[in-house]
Amino acid sequence: MPVCSLSACLGVAHESPTPTAKLVLLSAPSRLWALLVDRVDGFIDVASEAVFPLPAMLRRPAGMLFDGVVYHAGEAMLTLLPAGLHPDLAQHPAAQPPEVLPVLSSAPPAPSTTGKLLCFTTAVQAQQELPVTFGLSLSQVVRMQQTPALLQVPGAAPSILGLMQWQGAPLAVIDLSARLGGPATAVMPNSRLLIARATGRRAFVSFPVRPQAQVRHLPLAHQPCTRPLPLHASLTRGTFDCANEILVIPDIDGLCAPQEEQRC
């Protein structure tokens, strides 16, 4: 009987099984197989309403280890995807359930948000560099809040910082700079979490930003940016030279799509 080590699949393999290790028998289409786990804590009963599929942007064609998250007794737990753990099962992937989205009012953006741009940064930048500022239409900004404790997702793309529970559903938290192809940025104690909405469909994403965000009125004096930037063009709506900074407009709709390998 083939045996797969869960810790090895998660990239935290031990030299030898722990004293509490157990084998969990699972069924593949043609035979039984076993999953070696560090321990078994027991069984819990959860209502179907407490089980959520992963947000769409965490779903990758290959290499998925989890397919959902469970909220129970104030805790969040990931649910394993057997097809991501066993090579035979990977040839018969299960159909993905539809994404469960946060529940928000569908009212149109308030007039006070039109014609305005929220400009922000994700990291402290060296003084000798031309600063890179990100901008979003204020109508796409749902809220800014403190960054909560995040549920880590092993095997997710490096730009995925984790999941948070928001408005009754799991919400992906990303490193915006890294997702766009730039350098990774650290989450600082005073970082704020910006939650943004897509424009072409009902989807949301969040990312930490520096607290010094500014609202600017359109139009802004600008020129097309001709400087080479290590950014994925497919994930930006435009890059511009604005006085003493480079302004990058992220494509929130693109950021909310399933993560795939991007080319600059």
C-alpha atoms as a PDB file:
ATOM      1  CA  MET A   1       0.000   0.000   0.000  1.00  0.00           C
ATOM      2  CA  PRO A   2       1.503   3.380  -0.962  1.00  0.00           C
ATOM      3  CA  VAL A   3       2.089   5.812   1.888  1.00  0.00           C
ATOM      4  CA  CYS A   4       2.326   9.590   1.478  1.00  0.00           C
ATOM      5  CA  SER A   5       3.714  11.812   4.220  1.00  0.00           C
ATOM      6  CA  LEU A   6       1.590  14.885   4.886  1.00  0.00           C
ATOM      7  CA  SER A   7       4.507  16.802   6.365  1.00  0.00           C
ATOM      8  CA  ALA A   8       6.593  16.039   3.253  1.00  0.00           C
ATOM      9  CA  CYS A   9       3.782  17.289   1.006  1.00  0.00           C
ATOM     10  CA  LEU A  10       3.692  20.494   3.041  1.00  0.00           C
ATOM     11  CA  GLY A  11       7.454  20.916   2.835  1.00  0.00           C
ATOM     12  CA  VAL A  12       8.120  20.327   6.538  1.00  0.00           C
ATOM     13  CA  ALA A  13       9.294  16.718   6.422  1.00  0.00           C
ATOM     14  CA  HIS A  14      10.713  15.167   9.583  1.00  0.00           C
ATOM     15  CA  GLU A  15      13.709  12.824   9.604  1.00  0.00           C
ATOM     16  CA  SER A  16      11.527  10.170  11.231  1.00  0.00           C
ATOM     17  CA  PRO A  17       7.836   9.882  12.220  1.00  0.00           C
ATOM     18  CA  THR A  18       6.866  11.599  15.449  1.00  0.00           C
ATOM     19  CA  PRO A  19       5.827   9.428  18.440  1.00  0.00           C
ATOM     20  CA  THR A  20       2.191  10.427  17.873  1.00  0.00           C
ATOM     21  CA  ALA A  21       2.228   9.705  14.122  1.00  0.00           C
ATOM     22  CA  LYS A  22      -0.768   7.888  12.636  1.00  0.00           C
ATOM     23  CA  LEU A  23      -1.713   6.386   9.281  1.00  0.00           C
ATOM     24  CA  VAL A  24      -5.026   7.528   7.803  1.00  0.00           C
ATOM     25  CA  LEU A  25      -6.400   5.144   5.162  1.00  0.00           C
ATOM     26  CA  LEU A  26      -7.938   6.781   2.099  1.00  0.00           C
ATOM     27  CA  SER A  27      -9.399   5.398  -1.106  1.00  0.00           C
ATOM     28  CA  ALA A  28      -8.124   6.201  -4.592  1.00  0.00           C
ATOM     29  CA  PRO A  29     -10.079   5.246  -7.749  1.00  0.00           C
ATOM     30  CA  SER A  30      -8.233   1.927  -7.988  1.00  0.00           C
ATOM     31  CA  ARG A  31      -6.771   1.133  -4.567  1.00  0.00           C
ATOM     32  CA  LEU A  32      -6.331   2.161  -0.958  1.00  0.00           C
ATOM     33  CA  TRP A  33      -3.483   4.417   0.107  1.00  0.00           C
ATOM     34  CA  ALA A  34      -2.335   5.838   3.428  1.00  0.00           C
ATOM     35  CA  LEU A  35      -1.550   9.338   4.593  1.00  0.00           C
ATOM     36  CA  LEU A  36       1.062   9.610   7.349  1.00  0.00           C
ATOM     37  CA  VAL A  37       0.147  12.444   9.725  1.00  0.00           C
ATOM     38  CA  ASP A  38       1.866  13.737  12.847  1.00  0.00           C
ATOM     39  CA  ARG A  39      -1.186  13.190  15.028  1.00  0.00           C
ATOM     40  CA  VAL A  40      -4.956  12.703  14.994  1.00  0.00           C
ATOM     41  CA  ASP A  41      -6.882  15.015  17.307  1.00  0.00           C
ATOM     42  CA  GLY A  42     -10.262  13.363  16.810  1.00  0.00           C
ATOM     43  CA  PHE A  43     -13.442  14.131  14.942  1.00  0.00           C
ATOM     44  CA  ILE A  44     -15.556  17.266  14.950  1.00  0.00           C
ATOM     45  CA  ASP A  45     -19.040  17.918  13.623  1.00  0.00           C
ATOM     46  CA  VAL A  46     -19.400  21.086  11.575  1.00  0.00           C
ATOM     47  CA  ALA A  47     -22.395  22.533   9.773  1.00  0.00           C
ATOM     48  CA  SER A  48     -22.181  22.807   6.008  1.00  0.00           C
ATOM     49  CA  GLU A  49     -22.498  26.584   6.389  1.00  0.00           C
ATOM     50  CA  ALA A  50     -19.120  26.619   8.155  1.00  0.00           C
ATOM     51  CA  VAL A  51     -17.257  25.056   5.200  1.00  0.00           C
ATOM     52  CA  PHE A  52     -16.083  27.398   2.437  1.00  0.00           C
ATOM     53  CA  PRO A  53     -14.205  26.743  -0.820  1.00  0.00           C
ATOM     54  CA  LEU A  54     -10.896  28.547  -1.187  1.00  0.00           C
ATOM     55  CA  PRO A  55     -11.079  31.947  -2.891  1.00  0.00           C
ATOM     56  CA  ALA A  56     -10.618  31.683  -6.654  1.00  0.00           C
ATOM     57  CA  MET A  57      -7.204  33.340  -6.654  1.00  0.00           C
ATOM     58  CA  LEU A  58      -5.786  30.509  -4.518  1.00  0.00           C
ATOM     59  CA  ARG A  59      -6.911  27.830  -6.961  1.00  0.00           C
ATOM     60  CA  ARG A  60      -4.086  26.689  -9.210  1.00  0.00           C
ATOM     61  CA  PRO A  61      -4.285  24.099 -12.000  1.00  0.00           C
ATOM     62  CA  ALA A  62      -1.526  22.066 -10.356  1.00  0.00           C
ATOM     63  CA  GLY A  63      -0.056  21.758  -6.903  1.00  0.00           C
ATOM     64  CA  MET A  64      -3.163  22.499  -4.850  1.00  0.00           C
ATOM     65  CA  LEU A  65      -3.008  20.865  -1.423  1.00  0.00           C
ATOM     66  CA  PHE A  66      -6.200  22.341   0.041  1.00  0.00           C
ATOM     67  CA  ASP A  67      -9.657  23.019  -1.329  1.00  0.00           C
ATOM     68  CA  GLY A  68     -11.420  24.845   1.464  1.00  0.00           C
ATOM     69  CA  VAL A  69     -11.466  26.357   4.926  1.00  0.00           C
ATOM     70  CA  VAL A  70     -13.621  25.493   7.950  1.00  0.00           C
ATOM     71  CA  TYR A  71     -14.568  27.972  10.654  1.00  0.00           C
ATOM     72  CA  HIS A  72     -15.378  26.170  13.907  1.00  0.00           C
ATOM     73  CA  ALA A  73     -15.419  27.291  17.532  1.00  0.00           C
ATOM     74  CA  GLY A  74     -13.560  30.493  16.737  1.00  0.00           C
ATOM     75  CA  GLU A  75     -10.803  28.718  14.803  1.00  0.00           C
ATOM     76  CA  ALA A  76     -10.018  28.352  11.104  1.00  0.00           C
ATOM     77  CA  MET A  77      -8.805  25.082   9.560  1.00  0.00           C
ATOM     78  CA  LEU A  78      -7.856  24.169   5.999  1.00  0.00           C
ATOM     79  CA  THR A  79      -9.407  21.105   4.357  1.00  0.00           C
ATOM     80  CA  LEU A  80      -7.034  18.829   2.463  1.00  0.00           C
ATOM     81  CA  LEU A  81      -7.442  18.059  -1.237  1.00  0.00           C
ATOM     82  CA  PRO A  82      -6.489  14.372  -1.756  1.00  0.00           C
ATOM     83  CA  ALA A  83      -5.818  14.944  -5.463  1.00  0.00           C
ATOM     84  CA  GLY A  84      -2.994  17.286  -4.495  1.00  0.00           C
ATOM     85  CA  LEU A  85      -1.372  14.710  -2.201  1.00  0.00           C
ATOM     86  CA  HIS A  86      -1.482  11.517  -4.285  1.00  0.00           C
ATOM     87  CA  PRO A  87      -0.129  11.356  -7.867  1.00  0.00           C
ATOM     88  CA  ASP A  88      -2.810   8.873  -8.996  1.00  0.00           C
ATOM     89  CA  LEU A  89      -5.594  11.136  -7.786  1.00  0.00           C
ATOM     90  CA  ALA A  90      -4.064  14.173  -9.506  1.00  0.00           C
ATOM     91  CA  GLN A  91      -5.063  12.594 -12.823  1.00  0.00           C
ATOM     92  CA  HIS A  92      -8.725  12.710 -11.740  1.00  0.00           C
ATOM     93  CA  PRO A  93      -9.170  16.140 -10.107  1.00  0.00           C
ATOM     94  CA  ALA A  94     -12.513  16.829  -8.478  1.00  0.00           C
ATOM     95  CA  ALA A  95     -14.697  19.624  -9.787  1.00  0.00           C
ATOM     96  CA  GLN A  96     -14.157  22.868  -7.912  1.00  0.00           C
ATOM     97  CA  PRO A  97     -17.221  24.282  -6.121  1.00  0.00           C
ATOM     98  CA  PRO A  98     -18.192  27.893  -6.821  1.00  0.00           C
ATOM     99  CA  GLU A  99     -16.518  30.563  -4.758  1.00  0.00           C
ATOM    100  CA  VAL A 100     -18.415  31.960  -1.758  1.00  0.00           C
ATOM    101  CA  LEU A 101     -18.083  35.740  -1.769  1.00  0.00           C
ATOM    102  CA  PRO A 102     -18.452  38.253   1.059  1.00  0.00           C
ATOM    103  CA  VAL A 103     -21.954  39.657   1.412  1.00  0.00           C
ATOM    104  CA  LEU A 104     -22.010  43.394   0.682  1.00  0.00           C
ATOM    105  CA  SER A 105     -24.576  45.852  -0.512  1.00  0.00           C
ATOM    106  CA  SER A 106     -24.850  45.977  -4.306  1.00  0.00           C
ATOM    107  CA  ALA A 107     -25.625  49.700  -4.257  1.00  0.00           C
ATOM    108  CA  PRO A 108     -23.639  51.790  -6.772  1.00  0.00           C
ATOM    109  CA  PRO A 109     -20.598  53.717  -5.493  1.00  0.00           C
ATOM    110  CA  ALA A 110     -21.430  56.940  -3.700  1.00  0.00           C
ATOM    111  CA  PRO A 111     -20.999  60.100  -5.804  1.00  0.00           C
ATOM    112  CA  SER A 112     -18.387  61.300  -3.306  1.00  0.00           C
ATOM    113  CA  THR A 113     -16.042  58.496  -4.440  1.00  0.00           C
ATOM    114  CA  THR A 114     -16.094  59.238  -8.174  1.00  0.00           C
ATOM    115  CA  GLY A 115     -13.261  61.186  -9.755  1.00  0.00           C
ATOM    116  CA  LYS A 116     -10.957  60.414  -6.833  1.00  0.00           C
ATOM    117  CA  LEU A 117      -7.887  58.200  -6.552  1.00  0.00           C
ATOM    118  CA  LEU A 118      -6.548  56.634  -3.362  1.00  0.00           C
ATOM    119  CA  CYS A 119      -2.748  56.643  -3.604  1.00  0.00           C
ATOM    120  CA  PHE A 120      -0.667  54.456  -1.301  1.00  0.00           C
ATOM    121  CA  THR A 121       2.620  52.590  -0.958  1.00  0.00           C
ATOM    122  CA  THR A 122       3.405  49.120   0.334  1.00  0.00           C
ATOM    123  CA  ALA A 123       6.931  49.653   1.701  1.00  0.00           C
ATOM    124  CA  VAL A 124       9.430  52.266   2.828  1.00  0.00           C
ATOM    125  CA  GLN A 125      11.522  53.075  -0.252  1.00  0.00           C
ATOM    126  CA  ALA A 126      15.151  54.149  -0.493  1.00  0.00           C
ATOM    127  CA  GLN A 127      15.569  57.912  -0.881  1.00  0.00           C
ATOM    128  CA  GLN A 128      17.738  57.570  -3.975  1.00  0.00           C
ATOM    129  CA  GLU A 129      14.993  55.700  -5.832  1.00  0.00           C
ATOM    130  CA  LEU A 130      12.071  57.263  -7.661  1.00  0.00           C
ATOM    131  CA  PRO A 131       9.212  56.138  -5.406  1.00  0.00           C
ATOM    132  CA  VAL A 132       6.538  53.798  -6.733  1.00  0.00           C
ATOM    133  CA  THR A 133       3.020  54.701  -5.661  1.00  0.00           C
ATOM    134  CA  PHE A 134      -0.066  52.586  -6.267  1.00  0.00           C
ATOM    135  CA  GLY A 135      -3.432  54.083  -7.068  1.00  0.00           C
ATOM    136  CA  LEU A 136      -7.015  52.818  -6.994  1.00  0.00           C
ATOM    137  CA  SER A 137     -10.281  54.507  -7.796  1.00  0.00           C
ATOM    138  CA  LEU A 138     -11.852  55.392  -4.483  1.00  0.00           C
ATOM    139  CA  SER A 139     -15.003  53.597  -5.639  1.00  0.00           C
ATOM    140  CA  GLN A 140     -13.027  50.308  -5.565  1.00  0.00           C
ATOM    141  CA  VAL A 141     -11.820  50.782  -1.991  1.00  0.00           C
ATOM    142  CA  VAL A 142     -14.206  48.964   0.344  1.00  0.00           C
ATOM    143  CA  ARG A 143     -12.419  49.727   3.603  1.00  0.00           C
ATOM    144  CA  MET A 144      -9.090  50.016   5.400  1.00  0.00           C
ATOM    145  CA  GLN A 145      -8.549  48.291   8.731  1.00  0.00           C
ATOM    146  CA  GLN A 146      -5.944  46.774  11.005  1.00  0.00           C
ATOM    147  CA  THR A 147      -4.293  43.601   9.743  1.00  0.00           C
ATOM    148  CA  PRO A 148      -5.720  40.595  11.648  1.00  0.00           C
ATOM    149  CA  ALA A 149      -4.038  37.268  12.321  1.00  0.00           C
ATOM    150  CA  LEU A 150      -3.958  35.343   9.040  1.00  0.00           C
ATOM    151  CA  LEU A 151      -4.485  31.664   8.282  1.00  0.00           C
ATOM    152  CA  GLN A 152      -1.407  30.496   6.365  1.00  0.00           C
ATOM    153  CA  VAL A 153      -1.952  28.336   3.265  1.00  0.00           C
ATOM    154  CA  PRO A 154       1.019  25.982   2.653  1.00  0.00           C
ATOM    155  CA  GLY A 155       1.722  25.453  -1.027  1.00  0.00           C
ATOM    156  CA  ALA A 156       0.083  28.717  -2.081  1.00  0.00           C
ATOM    157  CA  ALA A 157       1.897  31.167  -4.341  1.00  0.00           C
ATOM    158  CA  PRO A 158       4.601  33.157  -2.486  1.00  0.00           C
ATOM    159  CA  SER A 159       2.584  36.361  -2.864  1.00  0.00           C
ATOM    160  CA  ILE A 160      -0.320  34.891  -0.842  1.00  0.00           C
ATOM    161  CA  LEU A 161       0.084  36.025   2.762  1.00  0.00           C
ATOM    162  CA  GLY A 162      -2.903  34.055   4.023  1.00  0.00           C
ATOM    163  CA  LEU A 163      -6.645  34.116   4.569  1.00  0.00           C
ATOM    164  CA  MET A 164      -8.850  36.206   6.826  1.00  0.00           C
ATOM    165  CA  GLN A 165     -12.549  35.858   7.584  1.00  0.00           C
ATOM    166  CA  TRP A 166     -14.484  38.892   6.406  1.00  0.00           C
ATOM    167  CA  GLN A 167     -18.199  39.500   5.881  1.00  0.00           C
ATOM    168  CA  GLY A 168     -19.031  35.821   6.277  1.00  0.00           C
ATOM    169  CA  ALA A 169     -16.459  34.368   3.860  1.00  0.00           C
ATOM    170  CA  PRO A 170     -12.703  33.754   3.526  1.00  0.00           C
ATOM    171  CA  LEU A 171     -10.785  36.608   1.881  1.00  0.00           C
ATOM    172  CA  ALA A 172      -7.305  36.287   0.370  1.00  0.00           C
ATOM    173  CA  VAL A 173      -4.599  38.639   1.654  1.00  0.00           C
ATOM    174  CA  ILE A 174      -1.734  39.190  -0.769  1.00  0.00           C
ATOM    175  CA  ASP A 175       1.598  40.978  -0.972  1.00  0.00           C
ATOM    176  CA  LEU A 176       0.600  43.443  -3.708  1.00  0.00           C
ATOM    177  CA  SER A 177       4.149  44.278  -4.779  1.00  0.00           C
ATOM    178  CA  ALA A 178       5.172  40.616  -5.056  1.00  0.00           C
ATOM    179  CA  ARG A 179       1.937  39.680  -6.856  1.00  0.00           C
ATOM    180  CA  LEU A 180       2.637  42.352  -9.473  1.00  0.00           C
ATOM    181  CA  GLY A 181       6.185  41.062  -9.981  1.00  0.00           C
ATOM    182  CA  GLY A 182       8.042  43.512  -7.752  1.00  0.00           C
ATOM    183  CA  PRO A 183      10.018  42.877  -4.559  1.00  0.00           C
ATOM    184  CA  ALA A 184       8.345  41.247  -1.580  1.00  0.00           C
ATOM    185  CA  THR A 185       7.364  43.659   1.180  1.00  0.00           C
ATOM    186  CA  ALA A 186       7.187  43.020   4.900  1.00  0.00           C
ATOM    187  CA  VAL A 187       4.010  43.590   6.902  1.00  0.00           C
ATOM    188  CA  MET A 188       4.850  46.270   9.471  1.00  0.00           C
ATOM    189  CA  PRO A 189       3.150  46.683  12.871  1.00  0.00           C
ATOM    190  CA  ASN A 190       1.496  49.894  11.651  1.00  0.00           C
ATOM    191  CA  SER A 191       0.447  48.498   8.270  1.00  0.00           C
ATOM    192  CA  ARG A 192      -3.174  48.920   7.270  1.00  0.00           C
ATOM    193  CA  LEU A 193      -5.161  46.325   5.362  1.00  0.00           C
ATOM    194  CA  LEU A 194      -6.847  47.684   2.234  1.00  0.00           C
ATOM    195  CA  ILE A 195      -9.841  45.702   0.946  1.00  0.00           C
ATOM    196  CA  ALA A 196     -10.626  46.367  -2.714  1.00  0.00           C
ATOM    197  CA  ARG A 197     -13.382  45.254  -5.060  1.00  0.00           C
ATOM    198  CA  ALA A 198     -13.168  44.244  -8.719  1.00  0.00           C
ATOM    199  CA  THR A 199     -15.153  46.182 -11.301  1.00  0.00           C
ATOM    200  CA  GLY A 200     -16.057  43.482 -13.834  1.00  0.00           C
ATOM    201  CA  ARG A 201     -17.404  40.928 -11.359  1.00  0.00           C
ATOM    202  CA  ARG A 202     -18.193  40.544  -7.676  1.00  0.00           C
ATOM    203  CA  ALA A 203     -14.799  39.703  -6.241  1.00  0.00           C
ATOM    204  CA  PHE A 204     -12.561  41.103  -3.525  1.00  0.00           C
ATOM    205  CA  VAL A 205      -8.914  41.035  -2.479  1.00  0.00           C
ATOM    206  CA  SER A 206      -6.946  42.633   0.333  1.00  0.00           C
ATOM    207  CA  PHE A 207      -3.339  43.666   0.856  1.00  0.00           C
ATOM    208  CA  PRO A 208      -1.282  45.519   3.509  1.00  0.00           C
ATOM    209  CA  VAL A 209      -0.339  49.133   2.738  1.00  0.00           C
ATOM    210  CA  ARG A 210       1.562  51.862   4.507  1.00  0.00           C
ATOM    211  CA  PRO A 211      -0.712  54.064   6.658  1.00  0.00           C
ATOM    212  CA  GLN A 212       0.171  57.283   4.784  1.00  0.00           C
ATOM    213  CA  ALA A 213      -2.489  56.940   2.065  1.00  0.00           C
ATOM    214  CA  GLN A 214      -3.775  60.031   0.251  1.00  0.00           C
ATOM    215  CA  VAL A 215      -6.918  60.817  -1.720  1.00  0.00           C
ATOM    216  CA  ARG A 216      -6.191  62.775  -4.904  1.00  0.00           C
ATOM    217  CA  HIS A 217      -8.649  64.369  -7.281  1.00  0.00           C
ATOM    218  CA  LEU A 218      -8.627  63.512 -10.967  1.00  0.00           C
ATOM    219  CA  PRO A 219      -7.306  64.430 -13.433  1.00  0.00           C
ATOM    220  CA  LEU A 220      -3.644  64.169 -12.414  1.00  0.00           C
ATOM    221  CA  ALA A 221      -0.811  65.587 -14.481  1.00  0.00           C
ATOM    222  CA  HIS A 222       1.022  62.575 -15.880  1.00  0.00           C
ATOM    223  CA  GLN A 223       2.992  61.073 -18.747  1.00  0.00           C
ATOM    224  CA  PRO A 224       3.136  57.423 -19.851  1.00  0.00           C
ATOM    225  CA  CYS A 225       5.919  55.675 -17.955  1.00  0.00           C
ATOM    226  CA  THR A 226       8.788  54.636 -20.234  1.00  0.00           C
ATOM    227  CA  ARG A 227      11.024  53.312 -17.465  1.00  0.00           C
ATOM    228  CA  PRO A 228      11.531  49.532 -17.336  1.00  0.00           C
ATOM    229  CA  LEU A 229       9.611  48.127 -14.385  1.00  0.00           C
ATOM    230  CA  PRO A 230       9.620  44.469 -13.231  1.00  0.00           C
ATOM    231  CA  LEU A 231       5.839  44.311 -13.250  1.00  0.00           C
ATOM    232  CA  HIS A 232       3.358  41.952 -14.878  1.00  0.00           C
ATOM    233  CA  ALA A 233       1.669  44.122 -17.491  1.00  0.00           C
ATOM    234  CA  SER A 234      -1.370  41.822 -17.454  1.00  0.00           C
ATOM    235  CA  LEU A 235      -2.007  42.731 -13.797  1.00  0.00           C
ATOM    236  CA  THR A 236      -1.809  46.512 -14.174  1.00  0.00           C
ATOM    237  CA  ARG A 237      -4.151  48.957 -15.865  1.00  0.00           C
ATOM    238  CA  GLY A 238      -1.359  51.445 -16.467  1.00  0.00           C
ATOM    239  CA  THR A 239       1.927  52.921 -15.229  1.00  0.00           C
ATOM    240  CA  PHE A 240       2.565  56.665 -15.325  1.00  0.00           C
ATOM    241  CA  ASP A 241       5.245  59.238 -14.551  1.00  0.00           C
ATOM    242  CA  CYS A 242       3.702  61.757 -12.163  1.00  0.00           C
ATOM    243  CA  ALA A 243       6.078  64.523 -11.088  1.00  0.00           C
ATOM    244  CA  ASN A 244       8.447  62.860  -8.592  1.00  0.00           C
ATOM    245  CA  GLU A 245       6.940  59.395  -8.533  1.00  0.00           C
ATOM    246  CA  ILE A 246       5.825  56.459 -10.650  1.00  0.00           C
ATOM    247  CA  LEU A 247       2.110  55.756 -10.361  1.00  0.00           C
ATOM    248  CA  VAL A 248       0.966  52.147 -10.878  1.00  0.00           C
ATOM    249  CA  ILE A 249      -2.733  51.289 -11.235  1.00  0.00           C
ATOM    250  CA  PRO A 250      -3.282  47.608 -10.280  1.00  0.00           C
ATOM    251  CA  ASP A 251      -5.932  45.594 -12.106  1.00  0.00           C
ATOM    252  CA  ILE A 252      -8.041  44.268  -9.232  1.00  0.00           C
ATOM    253  CA  ASP A 253     -10.047  42.032 -11.577  1.00  0.00           C
ATOM    254  CA  GLY A 254      -6.803  40.369 -12.700  1.00  0.00           C
ATOM    255  CA  LEU A 255      -5.546  40.040  -9.129  1.00  0.00           C
ATOM    256  CA  CYS A 256      -8.724  38.198  -8.123  1.00  0.00           C
ATOM    257  CA  ALA A 257      -8.290  35.557 -10.844  1.00  0.00           C
ATOM    258  CA  PRO A 258      -6.688  32.145 -10.080  1.00  0.00           C
ATOM    259  CA  GLN A 259      -2.924  32.458  -9.678  1.00  0.00           C
ATOM    260  CA  GLU A 260      -0.910  31.277 -12.644  1.00  0.00           C
ATOM    261  CA  GLU A 261       2.658  31.807 -13.701  1.00  0.00           C
ATOM    262  CA  GLN A 262       3.034  35.340 -15.077  1.00  0.00           C
ATOM    263  CA  ARG A 263       5.590  36.738 -17.469  1.00  0.00           C
ATOM    264  CA  CYS A 264       6.838  40.300 -17.253  1.00  0.00           C
END
